[in-house]
């Protein structure tokens, strides 16, 4: 096999990296198995909804070639320390073993092709030359990048689905809309960068995607901050500010809230009554009760009912942050669906659907 062309120092360095990763016996799977059957069922139902959400996003042309169009790979370079020798070593091992098993007509225990495809794409985005490329394959290696940036036009070429962006957005929706985590919390820094990149692309007038798809995703990403505020207030029984209601109900001003309270229609929107201080016992003009706020926003009779699911938290003694101060037997740590990609999400749903 050709992998022995790499110096011993590279092999030793790779081994050292692998050892430093370590293995933790506490995983999202182990913690998931500790929760009650009732909570498991709720998590399963949210997983089904998230899978539907993912499939809907996959159908949009926006997510094809999106990673290459943005400057996110360039930003990733400033965060990640990438060693071209090590990456090429891993790629060579994968391709050599795949070729060896195929030529020997042995059954391959694992499908190496997805790993090879992912690693090749990652290296290309990072601007790393591949030792696998012969002269005739160099253009093919760089095609996704060149097409996305407009350097090359290829008839009938369909850009790859930007699965990493898809999954990041889905993790954001999991916490903010569906009240769970998806293999851990969303990467808020990445989502913020993505939002800014989309706004830049939208303003440049790039016509490869429908404008409404840009606008729709930008709107979703902008809403995450408001969702976080609303969920924080509802979960902790903190009065909800008028501005939050105005945003989600698409109202013009505070007067619309006053009118909604005066109408008294079910579900009723109720003013928060001050519990302490010199205004104790008086109704707040700037806040409503959290329960009435969420019921009012979700009301199906509304023109734009809010898409919002109650938060699912690990019970006391379960989760990754058990040592933290708890409040009313809740650590406010979202239960995490143990799935890091679409395939694992489907496996999780298949395992627990019965």
Foldseek 3Di string as FASTA:
>chain_A
DPLVVADPVLVVVVVVVVVVVDDDPDFLVVLLVPDDPVLVVLVLVLLVVLLVVLVVVQVFLCQFLVVLLFCVLVVVPVVDDDDLSNLLSVLCVLVVVVVVCVVVVHDDPDDSVVVNVVSLLSCLSNVRDHPPDDPVCPCVSNVSNCVSNVNDDDPPDTGHGNFVVSLLLSQLCCCLQVQFGARDHHDLVVLVSSLVRLVVVLVVVDPPGPSVVSVVSNVSSVCSVLSVQLLVCLVVFHWDFLVSLCVLLVHDDLVVVVVQQVVQDPVHWAFDAACDDPRHRHGDSTTTTSVSSLRVQQDPVRPRRGRHHHHAFRFAPGDDPNVDDDDPRGPSHGSYDHDDGSVRSVVSSVVPVD
